[in-house]
Amino acid sequence: MSAVVVVHGGAWAIPEDMAKASVDGVKAAARQGSSVLKGGGSTLDAVEAAVRAMEDNPVFNAGHGAALNAEGEVQLDSIIMDGRTLASGAVAAVKNIANPVSLARAVMEKVLS
């Protein structure tokens, strides 16, 4: 069975001047996740890799592109879930974390151990 990786870049009206960069970014994130699967990684590994690609891309409102809170600080939230087991991990309002999805995964795995 072949896998399909689907990524979306947010639910908002993307300004025309950001449209190409947004489409390019979701394609790059999907390719990253697909590459992990093709290399033998798990679906959870692929999801984490795709989200990390978006967190590392300043076009998206995640990671480097995050919106500032009322105090002008970057605070990030993330959740990840293993659809096979329904295990999940989440973090909220974290600061100084480059990839909160990886921290959320670590929380999930720590809870399971």
PDB file of N, CA and C in Angstrom:
ATOM      1  N   MET A   1       0.847  -1.164   0.000  1.00  0.00           N
ATOM      2  CA  MET A   1       0.000   0.000   0.000  1.00  0.00           C
ATOM      3  C   MET A   1       0.900   1.238   0.000  1.00  0.00           C
ATOM      4  N   SER A   2       0.563   2.210  -0.815  1.00  0.00           N
ATOM      5  CA  SER A   2       1.347   3.445  -0.836  1.00  0.00           C
ATOM      6  C   SER A   2       0.747   4.451   0.139  1.00  0.00           C
ATOM      7  N   ALA A   3       1.610   5.276   0.688  1.00  0.00           N
ATOM      8  CA  ALA A   3       1.185   6.277   1.665  1.00  0.00           C
ATOM      9  C   ALA A   3       1.026   7.631   0.991  1.00  0.00           C
ATOM     10  N   VAL A   4       0.180   8.449   1.569  1.00  0.00           N
ATOM     11  CA  VAL A   4      -0.011   9.817   1.120  1.00  0.00           C
ATOM     12  C   VAL A   4       0.203  10.721   2.328  1.00  0.00           C
ATOM     13  N   VAL A   5       1.034  11.724   2.175  1.00  0.00           N
ATOM     14  CA  VAL A   5       1.271  12.694   3.240  1.00  0.00           C
ATOM     15  C   VAL A   5       0.560  13.989   2.851  1.00  0.00           C
ATOM     16  N   VAL A   6      -0.335  14.440   3.714  1.00  0.00           N
ATOM     17  CA  VAL A   6      -1.095  15.668   3.466  1.00  0.00           C
ATOM     18  C   VAL A   6      -0.733  16.675   4.548  1.00  0.00           C
ATOM     19  N   VAL A   7      -0.386  17.875   4.133  1.00  0.00           N
ATOM     20  CA  VAL A   7       0.009  18.938   5.056  1.00  0.00           C
ATOM     21  C   VAL A   7      -0.803  20.181   4.714  1.00  0.00           C
ATOM     22  N   HIS A   8      -1.279  20.900   5.727  1.00  0.00           N
ATOM     23  CA  HIS A   8      -1.919  22.186   5.441  1.00  0.00           C
ATOM     24  C   HIS A   8      -1.194  23.282   6.205  1.00  0.00           C
ATOM     25  N   GLY A   9      -1.206  24.457   5.620  1.00  0.00           N
ATOM     26  CA  GLY A   9      -0.435  25.563   6.171  1.00  0.00           C
ATOM     27  C   GLY A   9      -1.234  26.545   6.992  1.00  0.00           C
ATOM     28  N   GLY A  10      -2.367  26.131   7.505  1.00  0.00           N
ATOM     29  CA  GLY A  10      -3.170  27.012   8.345  1.00  0.00           C
ATOM     30  C   GLY A  10      -4.522  27.315   7.727  1.00  0.00           C
ATOM     31  N   ALA A  11      -5.400  27.803   8.533  1.00  0.00           N
ATOM     32  CA  ALA A  11      -6.764  28.101   8.096  1.00  0.00           C
ATOM     33  C   ALA A  11      -6.990  29.606   8.160  1.00  0.00           C
ATOM     34  N   TRP A  12      -6.464  30.285   7.153  1.00  0.00           N
ATOM     35  CA  TRP A  12      -6.643  31.734   7.097  1.00  0.00           C
ATOM     36  C   TRP A  12      -6.566  32.170   5.646  1.00  0.00           C
ATOM     37  N   ALA A  13      -6.930  33.383   5.379  1.00  0.00           N
ATOM     38  CA  ALA A  13      -6.863  33.932   4.020  1.00  0.00           C
ATOM     39  C   ALA A  13      -5.414  34.343   3.750  1.00  0.00           C
ATOM     40  N   ILE A  14      -4.702  33.512   3.022  1.00  0.00           N
ATOM     41  CA  ILE A  14      -3.284  33.764   2.761  1.00  0.00           C
ATOM     42  C   ILE A  14      -3.153  34.949   1.812  1.00  0.00           C
ATOM     43  N   PRO A  15      -2.413  35.982   2.208  1.00  0.00           N
ATOM     44  CA  PRO A  15      -2.217  37.129   1.328  1.00  0.00           C
ATOM     45  C   PRO A  15      -1.537  36.711   0.022  1.00  0.00           C
ATOM     46  N   GLU A  16      -1.888  37.356  -1.052  1.00  0.00           N
ATOM     47  CA  GLU A  16      -1.353  37.020  -2.370  1.00  0.00           C
ATOM     48  C   GLU A  16       0.171  36.988  -2.382  1.00  0.00           C
ATOM     49  N   ASP A  17       0.799  37.929  -1.690  1.00  0.00           N
ATOM     50  CA  ASP A  17       2.263  37.974  -1.710  1.00  0.00           C
ATOM     51  C   ASP A  17       2.919  36.832  -0.924  1.00  0.00           C
ATOM     52  N   MET A  18       2.132  36.077  -0.158  1.00  0.00           N
ATOM     53  CA  MET A  18       2.654  34.939   0.600  1.00  0.00           C
ATOM     54  C   MET A  18       2.206  33.596   0.024  1.00  0.00           C
ATOM     55  N   ALA A  19       1.348  33.631  -0.984  1.00  0.00           N
ATOM     56  CA  ALA A  19       0.733  32.400  -1.491  1.00  0.00           C
ATOM     57  C   ALA A  19       1.766  31.407  -2.020  1.00  0.00           C
ATOM     58  N   LYS A  20       2.675  31.846  -2.860  1.00  0.00           N
ATOM     59  CA  LYS A  20       3.659  30.932  -3.437  1.00  0.00           C
ATOM     60  C   LYS A  20       4.547  30.334  -2.352  1.00  0.00           C
ATOM     61  N   ALA A  21       5.021  31.158  -1.435  1.00  0.00           N
ATOM     62  CA  ALA A  21       5.880  30.671  -0.357  1.00  0.00           C
ATOM     63  C   ALA A  21       5.121  29.680   0.529  1.00  0.00           C
ATOM     64  N   SER A  22       3.845  29.911   0.755  1.00  0.00           N
ATOM     65  CA  SER A  22       3.036  29.015   1.566  1.00  0.00           C
ATOM     66  C   SER A  22       2.860  27.664   0.870  1.00  0.00           C
ATOM     67  N   VAL A  23       2.519  27.695  -0.408  1.00  0.00           N
ATOM     68  CA  VAL A  23       2.368  26.449  -1.168  1.00  0.00           C
ATOM     69  C   VAL A  23       3.696  25.705  -1.221  1.00  0.00           C
ATOM     70  N   ASP A  24       4.778  26.426  -1.495  1.00  0.00           N
ATOM     71  CA  ASP A  24       6.099  25.799  -1.523  1.00  0.00           C
ATOM     72  C   ASP A  24       6.436  25.177  -0.166  1.00  0.00           C
ATOM     73  N   GLY A  25       6.068  25.857   0.902  1.00  0.00           N
ATOM     74  CA  GLY A  25       6.358  25.357   2.248  1.00  0.00           C
ATOM     75  C   GLY A  25       5.597  24.089   2.595  1.00  0.00           C
ATOM     76  N   VAL A  26       4.302  24.028   2.241  1.00  0.00           N
ATOM     77  CA  VAL A  26       3.555  22.805   2.546  1.00  0.00           C
ATOM     78  C   VAL A  26       4.039  21.649   1.670  1.00  0.00           C
ATOM     79  N   LYS A  27       4.423  21.951   0.440  1.00  0.00           N
ATOM     80  CA  LYS A  27       4.983  20.897  -0.414  1.00  0.00           C
ATOM     81  C   LYS A  27       6.290  20.367   0.173  1.00  0.00           C
ATOM     82  N   ALA A  28       7.147  21.261   0.645  1.00  0.00           N
ATOM     83  CA  ALA A  28       8.423  20.849   1.239  1.00  0.00           C
ATOM     84  C   ALA A  28       8.179  20.017   2.501  1.00  0.00           C
ATOM     85  N   ALA A  29       7.214  20.408   3.312  1.00  0.00           N
ATOM     86  CA  ALA A  29       6.902  19.655   4.529  1.00  0.00           C
ATOM     87  C   ALA A  29       6.373  18.269   4.178  1.00  0.00           C
ATOM     88  N   ALA A  30       5.503  18.189   3.182  1.00  0.00           N
ATOM     89  CA  ALA A  30       4.971  16.894   2.757  1.00  0.00           C
ATOM     90  C   ALA A  30       6.085  16.009   2.202  1.00  0.00           C
ATOM     91  N   ARG A  31       6.985  16.611   1.422  1.00  0.00           N
ATOM     92  CA  ARG A  31       8.119  15.834   0.896  1.00  0.00           C
ATOM     93  C   ARG A  31       8.995  15.314   2.028  1.00  0.00           C
ATOM     94  N   GLN A  32       9.192  16.133   3.057  1.00  0.00           N
ATOM     95  CA  GLN A  32      10.012  15.715   4.199  1.00  0.00           C
ATOM     96  C   GLN A  32       9.368  14.512   4.886  1.00  0.00           C
ATOM     97  N   GLY A  33       8.073  14.584   5.141  1.00  0.00           N
ATOM     98  CA  GLY A  33       7.379  13.454   5.761  1.00  0.00           C
ATOM     99  C   GLY A  33       7.421  12.220   4.882  1.00  0.00           C
ATOM    100  N   SER A  34       7.213  12.397   3.595  1.00  0.00           N
ATOM    101  CA  SER A  34       7.248  11.282   2.645  1.00  0.00           C
ATOM    102  C   SER A  34       8.634  10.641   2.611  1.00  0.00           C
ATOM    103  N   SER A  35       9.653  11.460   2.659  1.00  0.00           N
ATOM    104  CA  SER A  35      11.030  10.958   2.650  1.00  0.00           C
ATOM    105  C   SER A  35      11.294  10.064   3.860  1.00  0.00           C
ATOM    106  N   VAL A  36      10.768  10.458   4.999  1.00  0.00           N
ATOM    107  CA  VAL A  36      10.935   9.652   6.215  1.00  0.00           C
ATOM    108  C   VAL A  36      10.262   8.288   6.027  1.00  0.00           C
ATOM    109  N   LEU A  37       9.053   8.291   5.474  1.00  0.00           N
ATOM    110  CA  LEU A  37       8.356   7.023   5.243  1.00  0.00           C
ATOM    111  C   LEU A  37       9.115   6.142   4.258  1.00  0.00           C
ATOM    112  N   LYS A  38       9.586   6.746   3.170  1.00  0.00           N
ATOM    113  CA  LYS A  38      10.332   5.987   2.162  1.00  0.00           C
ATOM    114  C   LYS A  38      11.625   5.425   2.730  1.00  0.00           C
ATOM    115  N   GLY A  39      12.179   6.094   3.739  1.00  0.00           N
ATOM    116  CA  GLY A  39      13.404   5.626   4.379  1.00  0.00           C
ATOM    117  C   GLY A  39      13.159   4.598   5.474  1.00  0.00           C
ATOM    118  N   GLY A  40      11.903   4.199   5.640  1.00  0.00           N
ATOM    119  CA  GLY A  40      11.583   3.181   6.634  1.00  0.00           C
ATOM    120  C   GLY A  40      11.124   3.715   7.973  1.00  0.00           C
ATOM    121  N   GLY A  41      10.987   5.025   8.099  1.00  0.00           N
ATOM    122  CA  GLY A  41      10.517   5.608   9.356  1.00  0.00           C
ATOM    123  C   GLY A  41       9.047   5.330   9.587  1.00  0.00           C
ATOM    124  N   SER A  42       8.626   5.498  10.803  1.00  0.00           N
ATOM    125  CA  SER A  42       7.219   5.282  11.171  1.00  0.00           C
ATOM    126  C   SER A  42       6.364   6.477  10.740  1.00  0.00           C
ATOM    127  N   THR A  43       5.056   6.276  10.773  1.00  0.00           N
ATOM    128  CA  THR A  43       4.166   7.396  10.461  1.00  0.00           C
ATOM    129  C   THR A  43       4.344   8.522  11.477  1.00  0.00           C
ATOM    130  N   LEU A  44       4.583   8.169  12.724  1.00  0.00           N
ATOM    131  CA  LEU A  44       4.813   9.193  13.745  1.00  0.00           C
ATOM    132  C   LEU A  44       6.086   9.975  13.447  1.00  0.00           C
ATOM    133  N   ASP A  45       7.134   9.280  13.003  1.00  0.00           N
ATOM    134  CA  ASP A  45       8.371   9.963  12.599  1.00  0.00           C
ATOM    135  C   ASP A  45       8.096  10.913  11.434  1.00  0.00           C
ATOM    136  N   ALA A  46       7.279  10.462  10.482  1.00  0.00           N
ATOM    137  CA  ALA A  46       6.973  11.276   9.303  1.00  0.00           C
ATOM    138  C   ALA A  46       6.182  12.525   9.679  1.00  0.00           C
ATOM    139  N   VAL A  47       5.219  12.361  10.559  1.00  0.00           N
ATOM    140  CA  VAL A  47       4.425  13.511  11.013  1.00  0.00           C
ATOM    141  C   VAL A  47       5.316  14.519  11.727  1.00  0.00           C
ATOM    142  N   GLU A  48       6.148  14.035  12.620  1.00  0.00           N
ATOM    143  CA  GLU A  48       7.053  14.939  13.342  1.00  0.00           C
ATOM    144  C   GLU A  48       7.969  15.678  12.376  1.00  0.00           C
ATOM    145  N   ALA A  49       8.508  14.976  11.397  1.00  0.00           N
ATOM    146  CA  ALA A  49       9.402  15.610  10.422  1.00  0.00           C
ATOM    147  C   ALA A  49       8.680  16.669   9.602  1.00  0.00           C
ATOM    148  N   ALA A  50       7.454  16.383   9.186  1.00  0.00           N
ATOM    149  CA  ALA A  50       6.683  17.353   8.399  1.00  0.00           C
ATOM    150  C   ALA A  50       6.374  18.599   9.219  1.00  0.00           C
ATOM    151  N   VAL A  51       5.977  18.404  10.461  1.00  0.00           N
ATOM    152  CA  VAL A  51       5.663  19.556  11.318  1.00  0.00           C
ATOM    153  C   VAL A  51       6.929  20.349  11.628  1.00  0.00           C
ATOM    154  N   ARG A  52       8.030  19.661  11.876  1.00  0.00           N
ATOM    155  CA  ARG A  52       9.300  20.367  12.121  1.00  0.00           C
ATOM    156  C   ARG A  52       9.670  21.241  10.918  1.00  0.00           C
ATOM    157  N   ALA A  53       9.432  20.727   9.719  1.00  0.00           N
ATOM    158  CA  ALA A  53       9.723  21.519   8.515  1.00  0.00           C
ATOM    159  C   ALA A  53       8.915  22.807   8.517  1.00  0.00           C
ATOM    160  N   MET A  54       7.667  22.731   8.966  1.00  0.00           N
ATOM    161  CA  MET A  54       6.845  23.938   9.024  1.00  0.00           C
ATOM    162  C   MET A  54       7.267  24.842  10.172  1.00  0.00           C
ATOM    163  N   GLU A  55       7.639  24.254  11.301  1.00  0.00           N
ATOM    164  CA  GLU A  55       8.116  25.059  12.430  1.00  0.00           C
ATOM    165  C   GLU A  55       9.392  25.815  12.073  1.00  0.00           C
ATOM    166  N   ASP A  56      10.199  25.225  11.210  1.00  0.00           N
ATOM    167  CA  ASP A  56      11.466  25.848  10.807  1.00  0.00           C
ATOM    168  C   ASP A  56      11.295  26.863   9.677  1.00  0.00           C
ATOM    169  N   ASN A  57      10.101  26.970   9.132  1.00  0.00           N
ATOM    170  CA  ASN A  57       9.835  27.850   8.004  1.00  0.00           C
ATOM    171  C   ASN A  57       9.129  29.123   8.503  1.00  0.00           C
ATOM    172  N   PRO A  58       9.743  30.287   8.342  1.00  0.00           N
ATOM    173  CA  PRO A  58       9.150  31.527   8.863  1.00  0.00           C
ATOM    174  C   PRO A  58       7.855  31.949   8.167  1.00  0.00           C
ATOM    175  N   VAL A  59       7.488  31.284   7.093  1.00  0.00           N
ATOM    176  CA  VAL A  59       6.237  31.607   6.404  1.00  0.00           C
ATOM    177  C   VAL A  59       5.029  31.221   7.255  1.00  0.00           C
ATOM    178  N   PHE A  60       5.188  30.190   8.075  1.00  0.00           N
ATOM    179  CA  PHE A  60       4.060  29.657   8.830  1.00  0.00           C
ATOM    180  C   PHE A  60       4.009  30.194  10.256  1.00  0.00           C
ATOM    181  N   ASN A  61       2.810  30.224  10.806  1.00  0.00           N
ATOM    182  CA  ASN A  61       2.577  30.702  12.154  1.00  0.00           C
ATOM    183  C   ASN A  61       2.851  29.562  13.148  1.00  0.00           C
ATOM    184  N   ALA A  62       4.053  29.037  13.032  1.00  0.00           N
ATOM    185  CA  ALA A  62       4.545  27.976  13.926  1.00  0.00           C
ATOM    186  C   ALA A  62       6.049  28.187  14.027  1.00  0.00           C
ATOM    187  N   GLY A  63       6.607  27.930  15.159  1.00  0.00           N
ATOM    188  CA  GLY A  63       8.057  28.072  15.288  1.00  0.00           C
ATOM    189  C   GLY A  63       8.543  29.473  14.980  1.00  0.00           C
ATOM    190  N   HIS A  64       9.414  29.583  13.994  1.00  0.00           N
ATOM    191  CA  HIS A  64      10.039  30.869  13.653  1.00  0.00           C
ATOM    192  C   HIS A  64       9.039  31.920  13.177  1.00  0.00           C
ATOM    193  N   GLY A  65       7.924  31.495  12.629  1.00  0.00           N
ATOM    194  CA  GLY A  65       6.938  32.444  12.124  1.00  0.00           C
ATOM    195  C   GLY A  65       5.834  32.765  13.106  1.00  0.00           C
ATOM    196  N   ALA A  66       5.997  32.360  14.363  1.00  0.00           N
ATOM    197  CA  ALA A  66       4.926  32.478  15.350  1.00  0.00           C
ATOM    198  C   ALA A  66       4.506  33.926  15.594  1.00  0.00           C
ATOM    199  N   ALA A  67       3.246  34.073  15.909  1.00  0.00           N
ATOM    200  CA  ALA A  67       2.716  35.370  16.317  1.00  0.00           C
ATOM    201  C   ALA A  67       3.138  35.630  17.766  1.00  0.00           C
ATOM    202  N   LEU A  68       3.284  36.885  18.094  1.00  0.00           N
ATOM    203  CA  LEU A  68       3.690  37.254  19.449  1.00  0.00           C
ATOM    204  C   LEU A  68       2.483  37.333  20.370  1.00  0.00           C
ATOM    205  N   ASN A  69       2.695  37.051  21.659  1.00  0.00           N
ATOM    206  CA  ASN A  69       1.615  37.193  22.629  1.00  0.00           C
ATOM    207  C   ASN A  69       1.469  38.666  23.026  1.00  0.00           C
ATOM    208  N   ALA A  70       0.597  38.952  23.958  1.00  0.00           N
ATOM    209  CA  ALA A  70       0.320  40.337  24.364  1.00  0.00           C
ATOM    210  C   ALA A  70       1.551  41.038  24.943  1.00  0.00           C
ATOM    211  N   GLU A  71       2.488  40.261  25.482  1.00  0.00           N
ATOM    212  CA  GLU A  71       3.710  40.834  26.041  1.00  0.00           C
ATOM    213  C   GLU A  71       4.833  40.914  25.004  1.00  0.00           C
ATOM    214  N   GLY A  72       4.533  40.547  23.756  1.00  0.00           N
ATOM    215  CA  GLY A  72       5.533  40.605  22.698  1.00  0.00           C
ATOM    216  C   GLY A  72       6.488  39.427  22.679  1.00  0.00           C
ATOM    217  N   GLU A  73       6.104  38.331  23.319  1.00  0.00           N
ATOM    218  CA  GLU A  73       6.950  37.146  23.391  1.00  0.00           C
ATOM    219  C   GLU A  73       6.391  36.044  22.487  1.00  0.00           C
ATOM    220  N   VAL A  74       7.280  35.170  22.050  1.00  0.00           N
ATOM    221  CA  VAL A  74       6.859  33.991  21.296  1.00  0.00           C
ATOM    222  C   VAL A  74       6.578  32.872  22.289  1.00  0.00           C
ATOM    223  N   GLN A  75       5.364  32.347  22.244  1.00  0.00           N
ATOM    224  CA  GLN A  75       4.983  31.177  23.027  1.00  0.00           C
ATOM    225  C   GLN A  75       4.330  30.203  22.060  1.00  0.00           C
ATOM    226  N   LEU A  76       4.723  28.954  22.145  1.00  0.00           N
ATOM    227  CA  LEU A  76       4.252  27.967  21.175  1.00  0.00           C
ATOM    228  C   LEU A  76       3.521  26.819  21.848  1.00  0.00           C
ATOM    229  N   ASP A  77       2.552  26.264  21.129  1.00  0.00           N
ATOM    230  CA  ASP A  77       1.791  25.098  21.564  1.00  0.00           C
ATOM    231  C   ASP A  77       1.984  24.003  20.521  1.00  0.00           C
ATOM    232  N   SER A  78       1.912  22.770  20.929  1.00  0.00           N
ATOM    233  CA  SER A  78       1.964  21.666  19.977  1.00  0.00           C
ATOM    234  C   SER A  78       1.342  20.431  20.597  1.00  0.00           C
ATOM    235  N   ILE A  79       0.788  19.606  19.749  1.00  0.00           N
ATOM    236  CA  ILE A  79       0.266  18.304  20.162  1.00  0.00           C
ATOM    237  C   ILE A  79       0.602  17.311  19.065  1.00  0.00           C
ATOM    238  N   ILE A  80       0.869  16.089  19.456  1.00  0.00           N
ATOM    239  CA  ILE A  80       1.103  15.013  18.496  1.00  0.00           C
ATOM    240  C   ILE A  80       0.372  13.787  19.017  1.00  0.00           C
ATOM    241  N   MET A  81      -0.150  12.997  18.084  1.00  0.00           N
ATOM    242  CA  MET A  81      -0.912  11.810  18.473  1.00  0.00           C
ATOM    243  C   MET A  81      -0.528  10.646  17.585  1.00  0.00           C
ATOM    244  N   ASP A  82      -0.413   9.502  18.190  1.00  0.00           N
ATOM    245  CA  ASP A  82      -0.191   8.259  17.461  1.00  0.00           C
ATOM    246  C   ASP A  82      -1.570   7.664  17.190  1.00  0.00           C
ATOM    247  N   GLY A  83      -1.998   7.711  15.929  1.00  0.00           N
ATOM    248  CA  GLY A  83      -3.332   7.235  15.569  1.00  0.00           C
ATOM    249  C   GLY A  83      -3.527   5.749  15.792  1.00  0.00           C
ATOM    250  N   ARG A  84      -2.443   5.005  15.811  1.00  0.00           N
ATOM    251  CA  ARG A  84      -2.529   3.561  16.020  1.00  0.00           C
ATOM    252  C   ARG A  84      -2.886   3.241  17.467  1.00  0.00           C
ATOM    253  N   THR A  85      -2.269   3.959  18.408  1.00  0.00           N
ATOM    254  CA  THR A  85      -2.462   3.657  19.831  1.00  0.00           C
ATOM    255  C   THR A  85      -3.320   4.696  20.552  1.00  0.00           C
ATOM    256  N   LEU A  86      -3.541   5.819  19.912  1.00  0.00           N
ATOM    257  CA  LEU A  86      -4.245   6.981  20.475  1.00  0.00           C
ATOM    258  C   LEU A  86      -3.468   7.653  21.603  1.00  0.00           C
ATOM    259  N   ALA A  87      -2.195   7.319  21.737  1.00  0.00           N
ATOM    260  CA  ALA A  87      -1.343   8.028  22.703  1.00  0.00           C
ATOM    261  C   ALA A  87      -1.100   9.436  22.168  1.00  0.00           C
ATOM    262  N   SER A  88      -1.004  10.394  23.074  1.00  0.00           N
ATOM    263  CA  SER A  88      -0.739  11.765  22.640  1.00  0.00           C
ATOM    264  C   SER A  88       0.123  12.481  23.666  1.00  0.00           C
ATOM    265  N   GLY A  89       0.734  13.552  23.206  1.00  0.00           N
ATOM    266  CA  GLY A  89       1.533  14.401  24.070  1.00  0.00           C
ATOM    267  C   GLY A  89       1.349  15.835  23.612  1.00  0.00           C
ATOM    268  N   ALA A  90       1.419  16.758  24.548  1.00  0.00           N
ATOM    269  CA  ALA A  90       1.194  18.159  24.207  1.00  0.00           C
ATOM    270  C   ALA A  90       2.024  19.068  25.098  1.00  0.00           C
ATOM    271  N   VAL A  91       2.294  20.247  24.571  1.00  0.00           N
ATOM    272  CA  VAL A  91       2.924  21.322  25.335  1.00  0.00           C
ATOM    273  C   VAL A  91       2.185  22.607  25.003  1.00  0.00           C
ATOM    274  N   ALA A  92       2.194  23.533  25.932  1.00  0.00           N
ATOM    275  CA  ALA A  92       1.507  24.799  25.711  1.00  0.00           C
ATOM    276  C   ALA A  92       2.321  25.953  26.264  1.00  0.00           C
ATOM    277  N   ALA A  93       2.299  27.050  25.530  1.00  0.00           N
ATOM    278  CA  ALA A  93       2.939  28.301  25.937  1.00  0.00           C
ATOM    279  C   ALA A  93       4.426  28.122  26.252  1.00  0.00           C
ATOM    280  N   VAL A  94       5.112  27.247  25.493  1.00  0.00           N
ATOM    281  CA  VAL A  94       6.545  27.044  25.727  1.00  0.00           C
ATOM    282  C   VAL A  94       7.347  28.145  25.043  1.00  0.00           C
ATOM    283  N   LYS A  95       8.470  28.462  25.647  1.00  0.00           N
ATOM    284  CA  LYS A  95       9.358  29.492  25.119  1.00  0.00           C
ATOM    285  C   LYS A  95      10.718  28.877  24.844  1.00  0.00           C
ATOM    286  N   ASN A  96      11.424  29.471  23.898  1.00  0.00           N
ATOM    287  CA  ASN A  96      12.802  29.073  23.593  1.00  0.00           C
ATOM    288  C   ASN A  96      12.932  27.606  23.192  1.00  0.00           C
ATOM    289  N   ILE A  97      11.928  27.098  22.495  1.00  0.00           N
ATOM    290  CA  ILE A  97      11.941  25.735  21.979  1.00  0.00           C
ATOM    291  C   ILE A  97      11.810  25.838  20.463  1.00  0.00           C
ATOM    292  N   ALA A  98      12.820  25.389  19.742  1.00  0.00           N
ATOM    293  CA  ALA A  98      12.801  25.510  18.282  1.00  0.00           C
ATOM    294  C   ALA A  98      11.722  24.642  17.648  1.00  0.00           C
ATOM    295  N   ASN A  99      11.513  23.450  18.183  1.00  0.00           N
ATOM    296  CA  ASN A  99      10.558  22.522  17.580  1.00  0.00           C
ATOM    297  C   ASN A  99       9.653  21.927  18.658  1.00  0.00           C
ATOM    298  N   PRO A 100       8.587  22.633  19.000  1.00  0.00           N
ATOM    299  CA  PRO A 100       7.701  22.143  20.061  1.00  0.00           C
ATOM    300  C   PRO A 100       7.036  20.806  19.745  1.00  0.00           C
ATOM    301  N   VAL A 101       6.902  20.447  18.467  1.00  0.00           N
ATOM    302  CA  VAL A 101       6.319  19.135  18.157  1.00  0.00           C
ATOM    303  C   VAL A 101       7.211  18.021  18.692  1.00  0.00           C
ATOM    304  N   SER A 102       8.515  18.210  18.658  1.00  0.00           N
ATOM    305  CA  SER A 102       9.428  17.197  19.190  1.00  0.00           C
ATOM    306  C   SER A 102       9.337  17.122  20.711  1.00  0.00           C
ATOM    307  N   LEU A 103       9.123  18.255  21.350  1.00  0.00           N
ATOM    308  CA  LEU A 103       8.924  18.267  22.802  1.00  0.00           C
ATOM    309  C   LEU A 103       7.609  17.568  23.148  1.00  0.00           C
ATOM    310  N   ALA A 104       6.556  17.824  22.371  1.00  0.00           N
ATOM    311  CA  ALA A 104       5.269  17.158  22.598  1.00  0.00           C
ATOM    312  C   ALA A 104       5.422  15.645  22.444  1.00  0.00           C
ATOM    313  N   ARG A 105       6.200  15.227  21.452  1.00  0.00           N
ATOM    314  CA  ARG A 105       6.430  13.792  21.283  1.00  0.00           C
ATOM    315  C   ARG A 105       7.185  13.225  22.477  1.00  0.00           C
ATOM    316  N   ALA A 106       8.174  13.964  22.971  1.00  0.00           N
ATOM    317  CA  ALA A 106       8.923  13.503  24.139  1.00  0.00           C
ATOM    318  C   ALA A 106       8.006  13.364  25.348  1.00  0.00           C
ATOM    319  N   VAL A 107       7.067  14.282  25.495  1.00  0.00           N
ATOM    320  CA  VAL A 107       6.092  14.194  26.587  1.00  0.00           C
ATOM    321  C   VAL A 107       5.265  12.920  26.425  1.00  0.00           C
ATOM    322  N   MET A 108       4.790  12.657  25.210  1.00  0.00           N
ATOM    323  CA  MET A 108       4.003  11.465  24.953  1.00  0.00           C
ATOM    324  C   MET A 108       4.797  10.210  25.300  1.00  0.00           C
ATOM    325  N   GLU A 109       6.033  10.155  24.839  1.00  0.00           N
ATOM    326  CA  GLU A 109       6.847   8.963  25.080  1.00  0.00           C
ATOM    327  C   GLU A 109       7.226   8.803  26.535  1.00  0.00           C
ATOM    328  N   LYS A 110       7.412   9.903  27.256  1.00  0.00           N
ATOM    329  CA  LYS A 110       7.732   9.832  28.687  1.00  0.00           C
ATOM    330  C   LYS A 110       6.523   9.296  29.477  1.00  0.00           C
ATOM    331  N   VAL A 111       5.335   9.740  29.100  1.00  0.00           N
ATOM    332  CA  VAL A 111       4.121   9.302  29.770  1.00  0.00           C
ATOM    333  C   VAL A 111       3.933   7.799  29.556  1.00  0.00           C
ATOM    334  N   LEU A 112       4.309   7.297  28.381  1.00  0.00           N
ATOM    335  CA  LEU A 112       4.136   5.882  28.074  1.00  0.00           C
ATOM    336  C   LEU A 112       5.168   4.997  28.741  1.00  0.00           C
ATOM    337  N   SER A 113       6.278   5.589  29.159  1.00  0.00           N
ATOM    338  CA  SER A 113       7.345   4.742  29.735  1.00  0.00           C
ATOM    339  C   SER A 113       7.186   4.533  31.226  1.00  0.00           C
TER     340      SER A 113
END
